[in-house]
Amino acid sequence: MILSGIFMLMIGIGTIVFGIYVRKNPTFGWRMNEGWKVSGDSEPSQAYIDSRTFSGAVAIWIGAFFMAMGILQFI
């Protein structure tokens, strides 16, 4: 039971760190994921940046949920 709680805490911390990184750098990985599809030099659209920022916030919320579940395993 304790191992599953520790595992949930680790997943939660990792997801929160990833979410914070995506919120701080929303254009990270754009060239690799989407930029190769466009010929010439281009930048990500504001809609892409907004969607990545939102997905970072969702990742933070999911990470907080996993951390709460991990903490509840110890009770």
C-alpha atoms as a PDB file:
ATOM      1  CA  MET A   1       0.000   0.000   0.000  1.00  0.00           C
ATOM      2  CA  ILE A   2       2.820   2.395   0.847  1.00  0.00           C
ATOM      3  CA  LEU A   3       4.624   1.687  -2.431  1.00  0.00           C
ATOM      4  CA  SER A   4       1.556   2.614  -4.439  1.00  0.00           C
ATOM      5  CA  GLY A   5       1.296   5.868  -2.469  1.00  0.00           C
ATOM      6  CA  ILE A   6       4.928   6.712  -3.187  1.00  0.00           C
ATOM      7  CA  PHE A   7       4.412   5.862  -6.852  1.00  0.00           C
ATOM      8  CA  MET A   8       1.351   8.137  -7.032  1.00  0.00           C
ATOM      9  CA  LEU A   9       3.321  10.963  -5.394  1.00  0.00           C
ATOM     10  CA  MET A  10       6.164  10.552  -7.904  1.00  0.00           C
ATOM     11  CA  ILE A  11       3.730  10.559 -10.839  1.00  0.00           C
ATOM     12  CA  GLY A  12       2.043  13.661  -9.422  1.00  0.00           C
ATOM     13  CA  ILE A  13       5.311  15.528  -8.927  1.00  0.00           C
ATOM     14  CA  GLY A  14       6.505  14.625 -12.424  1.00  0.00           C
ATOM     15  CA  THR A  15       3.231  15.715 -14.005  1.00  0.00           C
ATOM     16  CA  ILE A  16       3.259  19.016 -12.124  1.00  0.00           C
ATOM     17  CA  VAL A  17       6.863  19.714 -13.175  1.00  0.00           C
ATOM     18  CA  PHE A  18       5.968  18.926 -16.791  1.00  0.00           C
ATOM     19  CA  GLY A  19       2.886  21.162 -16.605  1.00  0.00           C
ATOM     20  CA  ILE A  20       4.893  24.071 -15.203  1.00  0.00           C
ATOM     21  CA  TYR A  21       7.507  23.642 -17.930  1.00  0.00           C
ATOM     22  CA  VAL A  22       4.848  23.636 -20.659  1.00  0.00           C
ATOM     23  CA  ARG A  23       3.212  26.751 -19.143  1.00  0.00           C
ATOM     24  CA  LYS A  24       6.560  28.569 -19.080  1.00  0.00           C
ATOM     25  CA  ASN A  25       7.665  27.418 -22.576  1.00  0.00           C
ATOM     26  CA  PRO A  26       4.534  26.803 -24.668  1.00  0.00           C
ATOM     27  CA  THR A  27       6.477  26.800 -27.955  1.00  0.00           C
ATOM     28  CA  PHE A  28       8.736  23.950 -26.785  1.00  0.00           C
ATOM     29  CA  GLY A  29       8.672  21.170 -29.348  1.00  0.00           C
ATOM     30  CA  TRP A  30       6.652  23.119 -31.932  1.00  0.00           C
ATOM     31  CA  ARG A  31       9.287  22.774 -34.651  1.00  0.00           C
ATOM     32  CA  MET A  32       9.512  19.024 -34.082  1.00  0.00           C
ATOM     33  CA  ASN A  33       5.745  18.427 -33.879  1.00  0.00           C
ATOM     34  CA  GLU A  34       4.201  20.964 -36.239  1.00  0.00           C
ATOM     35  CA  GLY A  35       6.910  23.144 -37.776  1.00  0.00           C
ATOM     36  CA  TRP A  36       8.162  20.538 -40.234  1.00  0.00           C
ATOM     37  CA  LYS A  37       4.750  20.560 -41.953  1.00  0.00           C
ATOM     38  CA  VAL A  38       5.154  24.195 -43.036  1.00  0.00           C
ATOM     39  CA  SER A  39       7.535  25.178 -45.821  1.00  0.00           C
ATOM     40  CA  GLY A  40       9.676  28.202 -45.056  1.00  0.00           C
ATOM     41  CA  ASP A  41      10.345  29.954 -41.800  1.00  0.00           C
ATOM     42  CA  SER A  42       7.276  30.282 -39.581  1.00  0.00           C
ATOM     43  CA  GLU A  43       6.299  30.584 -35.944  1.00  0.00           C
ATOM     44  CA  PRO A  44       3.505  28.931 -33.933  1.00  0.00           C
ATOM     45  CA  SER A  45       0.139  30.662 -33.975  1.00  0.00           C
ATOM     46  CA  GLN A  46      -1.388  32.275 -30.915  1.00  0.00           C
ATOM     47  CA  ALA A  47      -4.055  29.555 -30.863  1.00  0.00           C
ATOM     48  CA  TYR A  48      -1.327  26.880 -30.650  1.00  0.00           C
ATOM     49  CA  ILE A  49       0.407  28.745 -27.815  1.00  0.00           C
ATOM     50  CA  ASP A  50      -2.893  29.175 -25.955  1.00  0.00           C
ATOM     51  CA  SER A  51      -3.769  25.490 -26.334  1.00  0.00           C
ATOM     52  CA  ARG A  52      -0.344  24.418 -25.046  1.00  0.00           C
ATOM     53  CA  THR A  53      -0.663  26.805 -22.095  1.00  0.00           C
ATOM     54  CA  PHE A  54      -4.093  25.343 -21.294  1.00  0.00           C
ATOM     55  CA  SER A  55      -2.746  21.786 -21.554  1.00  0.00           C
ATOM     56  CA  GLY A  56       0.020  22.754 -19.118  1.00  0.00           C
ATOM     57  CA  ALA A  57      -2.608  23.957 -16.649  1.00  0.00           C
ATOM     58  CA  VAL A  58      -4.532  20.713 -17.067  1.00  0.00           C
ATOM     59  CA  ALA A  59      -1.326  18.746 -16.419  1.00  0.00           C
ATOM     60  CA  ILE A  60      -0.789  20.703 -13.190  1.00  0.00           C
ATOM     61  CA  TRP A  61      -4.338  19.875 -12.057  1.00  0.00           C
ATOM     62  CA  ILE A  62      -3.909  16.191 -12.904  1.00  0.00           C
ATOM     63  CA  GLY A  63      -0.597  16.138 -11.052  1.00  0.00           C
ATOM     64  CA  ALA A  64      -2.235  17.711  -8.006  1.00  0.00           C
ATOM     65  CA  PHE A  65      -4.930  15.018  -8.128  1.00  0.00           C
ATOM     66  CA  PHE A  66      -2.301  12.258  -8.247  1.00  0.00           C
ATOM     67  CA  MET A  67      -0.420  13.844  -5.351  1.00  0.00           C
ATOM     68  CA  ALA A  68      -3.618  14.025  -3.289  1.00  0.00           C
ATOM     69  CA  MET A  69      -4.360  10.383  -4.023  1.00  0.00           C
ATOM     70  CA  GLY A  70      -0.804   9.454  -3.084  1.00  0.00           C
ATOM     71  CA  ILE A  71      -1.069  11.334   0.206  1.00  0.00           C
ATOM     72  CA  LEU A  72      -4.396   9.653   0.955  1.00  0.00           C
ATOM     73  CA  GLN A  73      -2.682   6.256   0.579  1.00  0.00           C
ATOM     74  CA  PHE A  74      -0.681   7.028   3.729  1.00  0.00           C
ATOM     75  CA  ILE A  75      -3.749   7.801   5.849  1.00  0.00           C
END
